Amino acid sequence: MSAPPLLASEGWHYAAWVAIDLRLLVFAALLAALTAAGLTALVVRSRRKSDYLALWLLNFVALFALTVFFMNEVAQHPVFVVEALFPFP
């Protein structure tokens, strides 16, 4: 026996208007990419490109998330701002 489908009127569907500062997003991405490249060049001594790519990608994701968190919370220059949250039919 299957459960009845949930309806949108039950209030669990939500949507949001999100504002993105593209200049700050590009700055954060470039900063993370260049820092990740530098850290990868210092750490990896292998000749396989897959090692470089894997560690660069790991560094990039971590540094990008850290940079966006720092800009949003500490520096008070938000990259992402939720403008409005509203129920979605």
N, C-alpha and C. Protein backbone atom coordinates (compact mmCIF):
# COMPACT_ATOMS: atom_id res chain seq x y z
N MET A 1 0.85 -1.17 0.00
CA MET A 1 0.00 0.00 0.00
C MET A 1 0.90 1.24 0.00
N SER A 2 0.66 2.13 -0.93
CA SER A 2 1.50 3.32 -1.04
C SER A 2 0.86 4.49 -0.29
N ALA A 3 1.71 5.40 0.11
CA ALA A 3 1.24 6.59 0.83
C ALA A 3 0.61 7.56 -0.17
N PRO A 4 -0.35 8.37 0.29
CA PRO A 4 -0.95 9.35 -0.62
C PRO A 4 0.07 10.43 -0.99
N PRO A 5 -0.04 10.96 -2.19
CA PRO A 5 0.93 11.99 -2.61
C PRO A 5 0.76 13.27 -1.79
N LEU A 6 1.86 13.94 -1.53
CA LEU A 6 1.83 15.20 -0.80
C LEU A 6 1.44 16.32 -1.74
N LEU A 7 0.60 17.17 -1.29
CA LEU A 7 0.15 18.29 -2.10
C LEU A 7 0.95 19.54 -1.78
N ALA A 8 1.02 20.45 -2.74
CA ALA A 8 1.74 21.70 -2.52
C ALA A 8 1.04 22.56 -1.48
N SER A 9 -0.25 22.37 -1.32
CA SER A 9 -0.99 23.18 -0.35
C SER A 9 -0.66 22.80 1.09
N GLU A 10 0.06 21.70 1.29
CA GLU A 10 0.44 21.31 2.64
C GLU A 10 1.60 22.14 3.17
N GLY A 11 2.17 23.02 2.36
CA GLY A 11 3.14 23.98 2.83
C GLY A 11 4.57 23.50 2.93
N TRP A 12 4.96 22.48 2.21
CA TRP A 12 6.34 22.01 2.30
C TRP A 12 7.15 22.36 1.07
N HIS A 13 6.54 22.98 0.08
CA HIS A 13 7.28 23.45 -1.09
C HIS A 13 7.62 24.93 -0.90
N TYR A 14 8.88 25.26 -1.04
CA TYR A 14 9.29 26.64 -0.92
C TYR A 14 10.23 27.00 -2.05
N ALA A 15 10.25 28.25 -2.39
CA ALA A 15 11.17 28.77 -3.40
C ALA A 15 11.79 30.05 -2.84
N ALA A 16 12.86 30.49 -3.47
CA ALA A 16 13.54 31.69 -2.99
C ALA A 16 14.09 32.50 -4.15
N TRP A 17 14.09 33.79 -3.98
CA TRP A 17 14.81 34.67 -4.89
C TRP A 17 16.21 34.84 -4.32
N VAL A 18 17.19 34.50 -5.13
CA VAL A 18 18.58 34.57 -4.67
C VAL A 18 19.32 35.57 -5.55
N ALA A 19 20.01 36.49 -4.90
CA ALA A 19 20.84 37.47 -5.61
C ALA A 19 22.30 37.02 -5.53
N ILE A 20 22.99 37.07 -6.66
CA ILE A 20 24.39 36.65 -6.72
C ILE A 20 25.23 37.84 -7.20
N ASP A 21 26.27 38.15 -6.47
CA ASP A 21 27.21 39.19 -6.88
C ASP A 21 28.26 38.52 -7.78
N LEU A 22 28.11 38.71 -9.08
CA LEU A 22 28.98 37.99 -10.04
C LEU A 22 30.44 38.40 -9.94
N ARG A 23 30.70 39.67 -9.67
CA ARG A 23 32.09 40.10 -9.56
C ARG A 23 32.78 39.42 -8.39
N LEU A 24 32.10 39.33 -7.26
CA LEU A 24 32.66 38.68 -6.09
C LEU A 24 32.75 37.17 -6.29
N LEU A 25 31.80 36.58 -7.01
CA LEU A 25 31.84 35.16 -7.30
C LEU A 25 33.02 34.81 -8.20
N VAL A 26 33.26 35.62 -9.22
CA VAL A 26 34.41 35.40 -10.11
C VAL A 26 35.72 35.60 -9.35
N PHE A 27 35.78 36.62 -8.50
CA PHE A 27 36.97 36.84 -7.68
C PHE A 27 37.25 35.66 -6.78
N ALA A 28 36.21 35.14 -6.12
CA ALA A 28 36.38 33.99 -5.23
C ALA A 28 36.82 32.76 -6.01
N ALA A 29 36.27 32.56 -7.20
CA ALA A 29 36.65 31.40 -8.02
C ALA A 29 38.10 31.51 -8.50
N LEU A 30 38.50 32.68 -8.94
CA LEU A 30 39.89 32.87 -9.40
C LEU A 30 40.88 32.74 -8.24
N LEU A 31 40.54 33.31 -7.11
CA LEU A 31 41.41 33.21 -5.93
C LEU A 31 41.56 31.75 -5.51
N ALA A 32 40.47 31.02 -5.48
CA ALA A 32 40.51 29.61 -5.11
C ALA A 32 41.28 28.79 -6.14
N ALA A 33 41.08 29.08 -7.43
CA ALA A 33 41.76 28.31 -8.48
C ALA A 33 43.27 28.52 -8.44
N LEU A 34 43.70 29.76 -8.29
CA LEU A 34 45.14 30.04 -8.28
C LEU A 34 45.81 29.52 -7.00
N THR A 35 45.13 29.66 -5.88
CA THR A 35 45.68 29.14 -4.63
C THR A 35 45.74 27.62 -4.66
N ALA A 36 44.72 26.99 -5.22
CA ALA A 36 44.71 25.53 -5.34
C ALA A 36 45.83 25.06 -6.26
N ALA A 37 46.09 25.79 -7.34
CA ALA A 37 47.18 25.43 -8.24
C ALA A 37 48.53 25.53 -7.53
N GLY A 38 48.70 26.58 -6.74
CA GLY A 38 49.95 26.73 -5.99
C GLY A 38 50.15 25.65 -4.95
N LEU A 39 49.10 25.33 -4.21
CA LEU A 39 49.20 24.27 -3.21
C LEU A 39 49.46 22.91 -3.86
N THR A 40 48.81 22.67 -4.98
CA THR A 40 49.00 21.40 -5.68
C THR A 40 50.42 21.29 -6.20
N ALA A 41 50.96 22.37 -6.72
CA ALA A 41 52.33 22.34 -7.24
C ALA A 41 53.34 22.11 -6.11
N LEU A 42 53.04 22.59 -4.92
CA LEU A 42 53.95 22.38 -3.80
C LEU A 42 53.89 20.96 -3.24
N VAL A 43 52.72 20.34 -3.29
CA VAL A 43 52.53 19.06 -2.62
C VAL A 43 52.81 17.87 -3.53
N VAL A 44 52.32 17.89 -4.76
CA VAL A 44 52.39 16.71 -5.64
C VAL A 44 53.74 16.66 -6.33
N ARG A 45 54.39 15.53 -6.20
CA ARG A 45 55.67 15.32 -6.87
C ARG A 45 55.58 14.21 -7.91
N SER A 46 54.38 13.75 -8.18
CA SER A 46 54.17 12.67 -9.14
C SER A 46 54.22 13.22 -10.57
N ARG A 47 54.31 12.33 -11.53
CA ARG A 47 54.28 12.74 -12.93
C ARG A 47 52.93 12.47 -13.58
N ARG A 48 51.99 11.89 -12.83
CA ARG A 48 50.68 11.58 -13.39
C ARG A 48 49.77 12.80 -13.29
N LYS A 49 49.14 13.13 -14.40
CA LYS A 49 48.26 14.30 -14.41
C LYS A 49 47.01 14.08 -13.59
N SER A 50 46.60 12.83 -13.42
CA SER A 50 45.40 12.57 -12.62
C SER A 50 45.62 12.93 -11.15
N ASP A 51 46.86 12.78 -10.66
CA ASP A 51 47.16 13.19 -9.29
C ASP A 51 47.03 14.69 -9.13
N TYR A 52 47.59 15.43 -10.09
CA TYR A 52 47.49 16.88 -10.06
C TYR A 52 46.03 17.33 -10.12
N LEU A 53 45.27 16.73 -11.04
CA LEU A 53 43.88 17.14 -11.22
C LEU A 53 43.03 16.82 -10.00
N ALA A 54 43.22 15.65 -9.42
CA ALA A 54 42.42 15.26 -8.25
C ALA A 54 42.71 16.17 -7.06
N LEU A 55 43.96 16.43 -6.79
CA LEU A 55 44.30 17.28 -5.65
C LEU A 55 43.91 18.73 -5.91
N TRP A 56 44.05 19.19 -7.16
CA TRP A 56 43.64 20.55 -7.49
C TRP A 56 42.14 20.72 -7.29
N LEU A 57 41.37 19.75 -7.74
CA LEU A 57 39.92 19.83 -7.60
C LEU A 57 39.50 19.82 -6.14
N LEU A 58 40.12 18.98 -5.35
CA LEU A 58 39.84 18.93 -3.91
C LEU A 58 40.18 20.27 -3.25
N ASN A 59 41.36 20.80 -3.57
CA ASN A 59 41.76 22.09 -3.01
C ASN A 59 40.83 23.22 -3.47
N PHE A 60 40.46 23.20 -4.74
CA PHE A 60 39.60 24.26 -5.28
C PHE A 60 38.25 24.28 -4.59
N VAL A 61 37.63 23.12 -4.45
CA VAL A 61 36.31 23.07 -3.82
C VAL A 61 36.39 23.54 -2.36
N ALA A 62 37.38 23.08 -1.65
CA ALA A 62 37.52 23.48 -0.24
C ALA A 62 37.81 24.98 -0.12
N LEU A 63 38.72 25.50 -0.92
CA LEU A 63 39.06 26.92 -0.84
C LEU A 63 37.93 27.81 -1.33
N PHE A 64 37.20 27.37 -2.35
CA PHE A 64 36.06 28.15 -2.84
C PHE A 64 34.97 28.23 -1.77
N ALA A 65 34.67 27.11 -1.14
CA ALA A 65 33.66 27.11 -0.08
C ALA A 65 34.11 27.98 1.09
N LEU A 66 35.38 27.88 1.45
CA LEU A 66 35.91 28.70 2.54
C LEU A 66 35.88 30.19 2.19
N THR A 67 36.21 30.54 0.97
CA THR A 67 36.20 31.94 0.54
C THR A 67 34.78 32.50 0.53
N VAL A 68 33.83 31.73 0.00
CA VAL A 68 32.44 32.20 -0.02
C VAL A 68 31.91 32.34 1.40
N PHE A 69 32.22 31.39 2.29
CA PHE A 69 31.80 31.50 3.69
C PHE A 69 32.42 32.74 4.34
N PHE A 70 33.71 32.95 4.10
CA PHE A 70 34.38 34.11 4.69
C PHE A 70 33.76 35.41 4.20
N MET A 71 33.51 35.50 2.89
CA MET A 71 32.91 36.73 2.34
C MET A 71 31.51 36.96 2.88
N ASN A 72 30.70 35.89 2.95
CA ASN A 72 29.32 36.05 3.41
C ASN A 72 29.23 36.37 4.89
N GLU A 73 29.96 35.65 5.72
CA GLU A 73 29.76 35.74 7.16
C GLU A 73 30.72 36.71 7.86
N VAL A 74 31.98 36.67 7.52
CA VAL A 74 32.97 37.45 8.26
C VAL A 74 33.14 38.84 7.66
N ALA A 75 33.34 38.93 6.37
CA ALA A 75 33.62 40.20 5.73
C ALA A 75 32.38 41.02 5.43
N GLN A 76 31.19 40.42 5.57
CA GLN A 76 29.93 41.10 5.31
C GLN A 76 29.82 41.64 3.88
N HIS A 77 30.42 40.93 2.93
CA HIS A 77 30.26 41.21 1.50
C HIS A 77 29.69 39.95 0.87
N PRO A 78 28.36 39.79 0.90
CA PRO A 78 27.77 38.51 0.51
C PRO A 78 27.89 38.20 -0.98
N VAL A 79 28.26 36.97 -1.25
CA VAL A 79 28.28 36.46 -2.61
C VAL A 79 26.87 36.03 -3.00
N PHE A 80 26.20 35.32 -2.10
CA PHE A 80 24.83 34.87 -2.30
C PHE A 80 23.94 35.49 -1.23
N VAL A 81 22.81 36.06 -1.64
CA VAL A 81 21.86 36.65 -0.70
C VAL A 81 20.48 36.10 -1.04
N VAL A 82 19.78 35.58 -0.04
CA VAL A 82 18.40 35.16 -0.25
C VAL A 82 17.53 36.40 -0.06
N GLU A 83 16.95 36.87 -1.16
CA GLU A 83 16.14 38.10 -1.13
C GLU A 83 14.77 37.84 -0.53
N ALA A 84 14.14 36.72 -0.90
CA ALA A 84 12.79 36.42 -0.40
C ALA A 84 12.60 34.91 -0.42
N LEU A 85 11.86 34.44 0.57
CA LEU A 85 11.51 33.03 0.67
C LEU A 85 9.98 32.96 0.68
N PHE A 86 9.41 32.17 -0.21
CA PHE A 86 7.95 32.15 -0.32
C PHE A 86 7.48 30.74 -0.67
N PRO A 87 6.23 30.41 -0.32
CA PRO A 87 5.69 29.10 -0.67
C PRO A 87 5.51 28.98 -2.18
N PHE A 88 5.79 27.81 -2.68
CA PHE A 88 5.72 27.57 -4.11
C PHE A 88 4.54 26.63 -4.40
N PRO A 89 3.63 27.04 -5.24
CA PRO A 89 2.46 26.19 -5.51
C PRO A 89 2.79 24.96 -6.32
